[in-house]
Amino acid sequence: MDSLEDIEDFPTDQCRQYSSRLADDVRQNTSQSFFYGIGMDEGDLKKPFVGISSCWIEGNPCNNHLDQLALWIKQSVQQKGMNGLR
């Protein structure tokens, strides 16, 4: 698989099980203010959030590629209409 483009009809509407708890609940206005602070808008809060983690360090050439891999994953997630956060 080269990207998430290879996955047809990805069910993004079913992926908000957890992100909706932060984005939709009016009691989570502090959490929502952080999302607005990083440049999201109301439309972005309706999209699923996908956490992307990588263990990379510039001082280890064996893992140097992991940062670029995480960026590629974030871009693929965003192409599918979700919020990639790394």
Protein backbone atom coordinates (compact mmCIF):
# COMPACT_ATOMS: atom_id res chain seq x y z
CA MET A 1 0.00 0.00 0.00
CA ASP A 2 1.49 3.34 -1.05
CA SER A 3 -0.92 5.62 0.81
CA LEU A 4 -4.36 5.82 2.33
CA GLU A 5 -5.56 6.51 -1.23
CA ASP A 6 -5.47 2.73 -1.65
CA ILE A 7 -8.27 2.38 0.89
CA GLU A 8 -11.56 3.04 -0.87
CA ASP A 9 -14.48 4.56 1.01
CA PHE A 10 -12.61 4.97 4.28
CA PRO A 11 -15.34 5.30 6.96
CA THR A 12 -14.28 8.62 8.52
CA ASP A 13 -17.77 9.15 9.94
CA GLN A 14 -17.27 6.05 12.12
CA CYS A 15 -13.89 7.22 13.43
CA ARG A 16 -15.10 9.93 15.83
CA GLN A 17 -15.80 7.66 18.79
CA TYR A 18 -13.20 9.37 20.94
CA SER A 19 -12.51 12.69 19.22
CA SER A 20 -16.19 13.64 19.44
CA ARG A 21 -15.87 13.59 23.24
CA LEU A 22 -13.43 16.49 23.03
CA ALA A 23 -14.77 18.29 19.99
CA ASP A 24 -18.54 18.15 20.55
CA ASP A 25 -19.04 18.34 24.31
CA VAL A 26 -19.58 21.95 25.43
CA ARG A 27 -17.95 21.06 28.76
CA GLN A 28 -14.68 20.52 26.86
CA ASN A 29 -14.36 24.16 25.84
CA THR A 30 -10.80 24.29 27.20
CA SER A 31 -9.78 21.39 24.97
CA GLN A 32 -11.53 23.00 22.03
CA SER A 33 -9.66 26.27 22.60
CA PHE A 34 -6.38 24.39 22.14
CA PHE A 35 -7.59 23.05 18.80
CA TYR A 36 -8.54 26.55 17.69
CA GLY A 37 -5.13 27.72 18.91
CA ILE A 38 -3.34 25.34 16.52
CA GLY A 39 -5.34 26.65 13.58
CA MET A 40 -8.37 24.36 13.46
CA ASP A 41 -11.83 25.72 12.73
CA GLU A 42 -15.34 24.41 13.43
CA GLY A 43 -15.22 22.23 10.33
CA ASP A 44 -12.01 20.58 11.53
CA LEU A 45 -13.61 19.75 14.88
CA LYS A 46 -16.19 17.64 13.02
CA LYS A 47 -13.44 15.47 11.54
CA PRO A 48 -11.89 12.48 13.34
CA PHE A 49 -8.62 13.09 15.21
CA VAL A 50 -5.79 10.67 14.53
CA GLY A 51 -2.79 10.69 16.86
CA ILE A 52 0.51 9.95 15.12
CA SER A 53 3.54 9.07 17.17
CA SER A 54 7.11 8.29 16.21
CA CYS A 55 10.27 7.73 18.19
CA TRP A 56 12.95 9.54 16.27
CA ILE A 57 16.00 11.50 17.25
CA GLU A 58 18.39 13.49 15.10
CA GLY A 59 21.34 11.93 16.91
CA ASN A 60 20.58 8.40 15.74
CA PRO A 61 20.92 7.88 11.99
CA CYS A 62 19.08 4.54 12.23
CA ASN A 63 15.82 6.29 13.20
CA ASN A 64 16.21 9.55 11.29
CA HIS A 65 13.64 8.49 8.68
CA LEU A 66 10.88 8.06 11.26
CA ASP A 67 10.16 11.80 11.40
CA GLN A 68 9.58 11.89 7.65
CA LEU A 69 7.47 8.74 7.87
CA ALA A 70 5.24 10.37 10.52
CA LEU A 71 4.87 13.45 8.30
CA TRP A 72 3.89 11.25 5.33
CA ILE A 73 1.30 9.49 7.50
CA LYS A 74 -0.10 12.84 8.69
CA GLN A 75 -0.46 14.06 5.11
CA SER A 76 -2.18 10.82 4.07
CA VAL A 77 -4.59 11.06 7.02
CA GLN A 78 -5.44 14.66 6.12
CA GLN A 79 -6.03 13.68 2.48
CA LYS A 80 -8.71 11.33 3.75
CA GLY A 81 -10.51 14.17 5.57
CA MET A 82 -9.26 13.55 9.09
CA ASN A 83 -7.08 15.55 11.49
CA GLY A 84 -3.60 14.10 11.82
CA LEU A 85 -1.87 15.26 14.99
CA ARG A 86 1.72 14.29 15.65
